[in-house]
């Protein structure tokens, strides 16, 4: 287990973990179990089949969502996705799975 002496936020925690991981495939699963762990194989399948290097997913495709998506959250996500695409020159989406092939 890796522990920061004080809370530095999720981004710093993820960066720390990514530097320490030794696995070939890394899945991020928050403690609130927002994503169904039984869906993991569907996410990593394109990687296992060597059809992709990375797979990004979206909670907006989940049909069995247990929580309400507030309009303000929806707008914030749209803005952040747009900003990310502008900064990276990628075409990621918040509508589904994006597979980046090698």
N, C-alpha and C. Protein backbone atom coordinates (compact mmCIF):
# COMPACT_ATOMS: atom_id res chain seq x y z
N UNK A 1 0.84 -1.18 0.00
CA UNK A 1 0.00 0.00 0.00
C UNK A 1 0.88 1.24 0.00
N UNK A 2 0.48 2.21 -0.77
CA UNK A 2 1.21 3.47 -0.85
C UNK A 2 0.35 4.53 -0.16
N UNK A 3 0.98 5.35 0.64
CA UNK A 3 0.24 6.34 1.43
C UNK A 3 0.94 7.69 1.36
N UNK A 4 0.18 8.74 1.06
CA UNK A 4 0.71 10.10 1.14
C UNK A 4 0.49 10.62 2.55
N UNK A 5 1.41 11.42 3.05
CA UNK A 5 1.29 11.94 4.41
C UNK A 5 0.10 12.88 4.57
N UNK A 6 -0.33 13.51 3.47
CA UNK A 6 -1.56 14.31 3.51
C UNK A 6 -2.30 14.13 2.20
N UNK A 7 -3.57 14.42 2.20
CA UNK A 7 -4.41 14.24 1.01
C UNK A 7 -3.98 15.23 -0.07
N UNK A 8 -3.55 14.69 -1.20
CA UNK A 8 -3.09 15.52 -2.32
C UNK A 8 -4.04 15.43 -3.51
N UNK A 9 -5.15 14.74 -3.33
CA UNK A 9 -6.15 14.62 -4.39
C UNK A 9 -6.00 13.36 -5.23
N UNK A 10 -7.03 13.10 -6.00
CA UNK A 10 -7.09 11.87 -6.79
C UNK A 10 -6.02 11.83 -7.88
N UNK A 11 -5.79 12.95 -8.56
CA UNK A 11 -4.81 12.96 -9.65
C UNK A 11 -3.43 12.58 -9.16
N UNK A 12 -2.99 13.17 -8.06
CA UNK A 12 -1.67 12.84 -7.51
C UNK A 12 -1.64 11.39 -7.06
N UNK A 13 -2.72 10.92 -6.45
CA UNK A 13 -2.79 9.51 -6.01
C UNK A 13 -2.65 8.57 -7.21
N UNK A 14 -3.36 8.87 -8.29
CA UNK A 14 -3.27 8.02 -9.48
C UNK A 14 -1.88 8.04 -10.10
N UNK A 15 -1.27 9.22 -10.18
CA UNK A 15 0.09 9.32 -10.73
C UNK A 15 1.06 8.50 -9.89
N UNK A 16 0.94 8.57 -8.57
CA UNK A 16 1.80 7.80 -7.69
C UNK A 16 1.61 6.30 -7.93
N UNK A 17 0.37 5.88 -8.01
CA UNK A 17 0.08 4.46 -8.23
C UNK A 17 0.58 4.00 -9.60
N UNK A 18 0.37 4.79 -10.63
CA UNK A 18 0.82 4.40 -11.97
C UNK A 18 2.33 4.22 -12.02
N UNK A 19 3.06 5.05 -11.29
CA UNK A 19 4.53 4.92 -11.27
C UNK A 19 4.95 3.62 -10.57
N UNK A 20 4.16 3.14 -9.64
CA UNK A 20 4.52 1.96 -8.85
C UNK A 20 4.00 0.65 -9.43
N UNK A 21 3.04 0.70 -10.31
CA UNK A 21 2.43 -0.53 -10.80
C UNK A 21 3.41 -1.34 -11.65
N UNK A 22 3.26 -2.63 -11.61
CA UNK A 22 4.09 -3.53 -12.39
C UNK A 22 3.25 -4.38 -13.33
N UNK A 23 1.95 -4.13 -13.35
CA UNK A 23 1.05 -4.90 -14.20
C UNK A 23 1.11 -4.45 -15.64
N UNK A 24 0.65 -5.31 -16.54
CA UNK A 24 0.62 -4.96 -17.95
C UNK A 24 -0.65 -4.18 -18.30
N UNK A 25 -1.69 -4.39 -17.53
CA UNK A 25 -2.96 -3.68 -17.72
C UNK A 25 -3.36 -3.09 -16.38
N UNK A 26 -3.73 -1.83 -16.39
CA UNK A 26 -4.12 -1.14 -15.16
C UNK A 26 -5.56 -0.67 -15.31
N UNK A 27 -6.38 -0.98 -14.32
CA UNK A 27 -7.78 -0.54 -14.28
C UNK A 27 -7.93 0.38 -13.07
N UNK A 28 -8.59 1.51 -13.26
CA UNK A 28 -8.87 2.41 -12.15
C UNK A 28 -10.30 2.15 -11.69
N UNK A 29 -10.45 1.77 -10.43
CA UNK A 29 -11.77 1.51 -9.84
C UNK A 29 -11.85 2.29 -8.54
N UNK A 30 -12.72 3.29 -8.48
CA UNK A 30 -12.86 4.09 -7.27
C UNK A 30 -13.47 3.27 -6.13
N UNK A 31 -13.24 3.72 -4.93
CA UNK A 31 -13.72 3.01 -3.74
C UNK A 31 -15.24 2.95 -3.66
N UNK A 32 -15.94 3.87 -4.32
CA UNK A 32 -17.41 3.84 -4.28
C UNK A 32 -18.00 2.82 -5.25
N UNK A 33 -17.13 2.09 -5.95
CA UNK A 33 -17.53 1.03 -6.88
C UNK A 33 -18.56 1.52 -7.90
N UNK A 34 -18.32 2.72 -8.43
CA UNK A 34 -19.23 3.31 -9.41
C UNK A 34 -19.36 2.41 -10.63
N UNK A 35 -18.29 1.74 -10.99
CA UNK A 35 -18.29 0.86 -12.15
C UNK A 35 -18.43 -0.58 -11.70
N UNK A 36 -19.16 -1.37 -12.46
CA UNK A 36 -19.39 -2.77 -12.15
C UNK A 36 -18.12 -3.57 -12.47
N UNK A 37 -17.53 -4.18 -11.47
CA UNK A 37 -16.28 -4.92 -11.68
C UNK A 37 -16.47 -6.13 -12.60
N UNK A 38 -17.68 -6.58 -12.77
CA UNK A 38 -17.94 -7.69 -13.69
C UNK A 38 -17.82 -7.27 -15.16
N UNK A 39 -17.71 -5.97 -15.40
CA UNK A 39 -17.57 -5.46 -16.76
C UNK A 39 -16.10 -5.31 -17.18
N UNK A 40 -15.16 -5.59 -16.29
CA UNK A 40 -13.75 -5.36 -16.56
C UNK A 40 -13.28 -6.12 -17.79
N UNK A 41 -13.68 -7.36 -17.95
CA UNK A 41 -13.22 -8.13 -19.10
C UNK A 41 -13.60 -7.46 -20.41
N UNK A 42 -14.82 -6.89 -20.48
CA UNK A 42 -15.26 -6.21 -21.70
C UNK A 42 -14.35 -5.01 -22.00
N UNK A 43 -13.87 -4.37 -20.95
CA UNK A 43 -13.01 -3.19 -21.13
C UNK A 43 -11.62 -3.59 -21.62
N UNK A 44 -11.05 -4.63 -21.04
CA UNK A 44 -9.68 -5.00 -21.39
C UNK A 44 -9.59 -5.93 -22.60
N UNK A 45 -10.71 -6.43 -23.08
CA UNK A 45 -10.69 -7.37 -24.21
C UNK A 45 -9.93 -6.83 -25.42
N UNK A 46 -10.16 -5.58 -25.87
CA UNK A 46 -9.39 -5.08 -27.02
C UNK A 46 -7.88 -5.07 -26.77
N UNK A 47 -7.47 -4.89 -25.53
CA UNK A 47 -6.04 -4.91 -25.20
C UNK A 47 -5.52 -6.34 -25.26
N UNK A 48 -6.26 -7.27 -24.68
CA UNK A 48 -5.85 -8.67 -24.68
C UNK A 48 -5.77 -9.22 -26.11
N UNK A 49 -6.63 -8.74 -26.98
CA UNK A 49 -6.64 -9.17 -28.38
C UNK A 49 -5.64 -8.40 -29.23
N UNK A 50 -4.84 -7.55 -28.59
CA UNK A 50 -3.82 -6.71 -29.25
C UNK A 50 -4.42 -5.84 -30.35
N UNK A 51 -5.64 -5.36 -30.12
CA UNK A 51 -6.29 -4.44 -31.05
C UNK A 51 -6.23 -3.01 -30.54
N UNK A 52 -5.75 -2.83 -29.30
CA UNK A 52 -5.68 -1.49 -28.72
C UNK A 52 -4.59 -1.44 -27.67
N UNK A 53 -4.03 -0.26 -27.47
CA UNK A 53 -3.06 -0.03 -26.40
C UNK A 53 -3.75 0.49 -25.15
N UNK A 54 -4.85 1.20 -25.33
CA UNK A 54 -5.56 1.80 -24.21
C UNK A 54 -7.04 1.87 -24.55
N UNK A 55 -7.88 1.75 -23.52
CA UNK A 55 -9.33 1.85 -23.69
C UNK A 55 -9.85 2.83 -22.64
N UNK A 56 -10.59 3.84 -23.08
CA UNK A 56 -11.23 4.79 -22.17
C UNK A 56 -12.72 4.50 -22.19
N UNK A 57 -13.34 4.53 -21.04
CA UNK A 57 -14.77 4.22 -20.94
C UNK A 57 -15.53 5.41 -20.39
N UNK A 58 -16.85 5.33 -20.50
CA UNK A 58 -17.71 6.39 -20.01
C UNK A 58 -18.85 5.82 -19.20
N UNK A 59 -19.10 6.42 -18.05
CA UNK A 59 -20.23 6.00 -17.22
C UNK A 59 -21.56 6.40 -17.84
N UNK A 60 -21.54 7.26 -18.87
CA UNK A 60 -22.78 7.71 -19.48
C UNK A 60 -23.43 6.65 -20.34
N UNK A 61 -22.71 5.59 -20.67
CA UNK A 61 -23.30 4.49 -21.43
C UNK A 61 -23.96 3.45 -20.54
N UNK A 62 -23.70 3.50 -19.27
CA UNK A 62 -24.23 2.49 -18.35
C UNK A 62 -25.74 2.62 -18.29
N UNK A 63 -26.42 1.58 -18.65
CA UNK A 63 -27.88 1.61 -18.67
C UNK A 63 -28.47 1.32 -17.30
N UNK A 64 -27.70 0.69 -16.42
CA UNK A 64 -28.19 0.31 -15.10
C UNK A 64 -27.72 1.29 -14.04
N UNK A 65 -27.48 2.52 -14.43
CA UNK A 65 -26.91 3.50 -13.50
C UNK A 65 -27.78 3.63 -12.26
N UNK A 66 -27.11 3.62 -11.12
CA UNK A 66 -27.82 3.68 -9.85
C UNK A 66 -27.92 5.11 -9.33
N UNK A 67 -27.21 6.03 -9.95
CA UNK A 67 -27.26 7.39 -9.45
C UNK A 67 -27.76 8.35 -10.51
N UNK A 68 -28.22 9.48 -10.05
CA UNK A 68 -28.77 10.49 -10.92
C UNK A 68 -27.64 11.34 -11.47
N UNK A 69 -27.67 11.61 -12.76
CA UNK A 69 -26.69 12.49 -13.37
C UNK A 69 -27.30 13.88 -13.43
N UNK A 70 -26.79 14.78 -12.62
CA UNK A 70 -27.31 16.13 -12.59
C UNK A 70 -26.87 16.90 -13.83
N UNK A 71 -27.72 17.83 -14.26
CA UNK A 71 -27.44 18.61 -15.46
C UNK A 71 -26.11 19.35 -15.34
N UNK A 72 -25.83 19.91 -14.17
CA UNK A 72 -24.56 20.63 -13.99
C UNK A 72 -23.37 19.70 -14.16
N UNK A 73 -23.48 18.45 -13.71
CA UNK A 73 -22.41 17.47 -13.90
C UNK A 73 -22.25 17.14 -15.38
N UNK A 74 -23.37 17.02 -16.06
CA UNK A 74 -23.35 16.75 -17.49
C UNK A 74 -22.62 17.85 -18.25
N UNK A 75 -22.96 19.12 -17.94
CA UNK A 75 -22.30 20.24 -18.60
C UNK A 75 -20.82 20.30 -18.26
N UNK A 76 -20.48 20.07 -17.00
CA UNK A 76 -19.07 20.09 -16.59
C UNK A 76 -18.30 19.01 -17.35
N UNK A 77 -18.88 17.83 -17.50
CA UNK A 77 -18.21 16.76 -18.22
C UNK A 77 -18.00 17.12 -19.68
N UNK A 78 -19.02 17.70 -20.30
CA UNK A 78 -18.89 18.13 -21.70
C UNK A 78 -17.76 19.14 -21.85
N UNK A 79 -17.69 20.10 -20.93
CA UNK A 79 -16.65 21.12 -20.98
C UNK A 79 -15.27 20.51 -20.80
N UNK A 80 -15.12 19.62 -19.81
CA UNK A 80 -13.82 19.01 -19.55
C UNK A 80 -13.38 18.12 -20.70
N UNK A 81 -14.31 17.41 -21.32
CA UNK A 81 -13.97 16.59 -22.47
C UNK A 81 -13.51 17.48 -23.63
N UNK A 82 -14.23 18.57 -23.87
CA UNK A 82 -13.85 19.52 -24.91
C UNK A 82 -12.46 20.10 -24.65
N UNK A 83 -12.22 20.52 -23.41
CA UNK A 83 -10.93 21.10 -23.04
C UNK A 83 -9.81 20.08 -23.21
N UNK A 84 -10.05 18.85 -22.78
CA UNK A 84 -9.06 17.79 -22.93
C UNK A 84 -8.73 17.54 -24.40
N UNK A 85 -9.75 17.51 -25.25
CA UNK A 85 -9.52 17.30 -26.67
C UNK A 85 -8.73 18.45 -27.29
N UNK A 86 -9.02 19.67 -26.85
CA UNK A 86 -8.26 20.84 -27.35
C UNK A 86 -6.79 20.76 -26.95
N UNK A 87 -6.54 20.33 -25.72
CA UNK A 87 -5.17 20.30 -25.19
C UNK A 87 -4.36 19.13 -25.75
N UNK A 88 -5.01 18.02 -26.08
CA UNK A 88 -4.29 16.81 -26.50
C UNK A 88 -4.38 16.55 -28.00
N UNK A 89 -5.28 17.27 -28.68
CA UNK A 89 -5.54 17.05 -30.10
C UNK A 89 -6.04 15.63 -30.36
N UNK A 90 -6.71 15.05 -29.36
CA UNK A 90 -7.36 13.75 -29.52
C UNK A 90 -8.84 13.99 -29.71
N UNK A 91 -9.57 12.95 -30.00
CA UNK A 91 -11.01 13.06 -30.16
C UNK A 91 -11.69 12.09 -29.21
N UNK A 92 -11.46 12.31 -27.91
CA UNK A 92 -12.09 11.44 -26.92
C UNK A 92 -13.54 11.86 -26.77
N UNK A 93 -14.34 10.97 -26.24
CA UNK A 93 -15.76 11.21 -26.13
C UNK A 93 -16.25 10.87 -24.73
N UNK A 94 -17.37 11.44 -24.35
CA UNK A 94 -18.00 11.04 -23.10
C UNK A 94 -19.21 10.17 -23.40
N UNK A 95 -19.32 9.70 -24.63
CA UNK A 95 -20.47 8.91 -25.03
C UNK A 95 -20.21 7.42 -25.04
N UNK A 96 -18.96 6.98 -24.98
CA UNK A 96 -18.75 5.55 -25.08
C UNK A 96 -17.30 5.17 -24.90
N UNK A 97 -16.99 4.02 -25.37
CA UNK A 97 -15.64 3.50 -25.25
C UNK A 97 -14.81 4.00 -26.43
N UNK A 98 -13.68 4.57 -26.13
CA UNK A 98 -12.74 5.00 -27.17
C UNK A 98 -11.56 4.05 -27.15
N UNK A 99 -11.24 3.49 -28.28
CA UNK A 99 -10.14 2.54 -28.36
C UNK A 99 -9.05 3.16 -29.23
N UNK A 100 -7.85 3.28 -28.67
CA UNK A 100 -6.73 3.84 -29.40
C UNK A 100 -5.82 2.72 -29.82
N UNK A 101 -5.77 2.48 -31.12
CA UNK A 101 -4.99 1.36 -31.65
C UNK A 101 -3.54 1.75 -31.81
N UNK A 102 -2.68 0.73 -31.80
CA UNK A 102 -1.26 0.98 -32.01
C UNK A 102 -0.90 0.83 -33.46
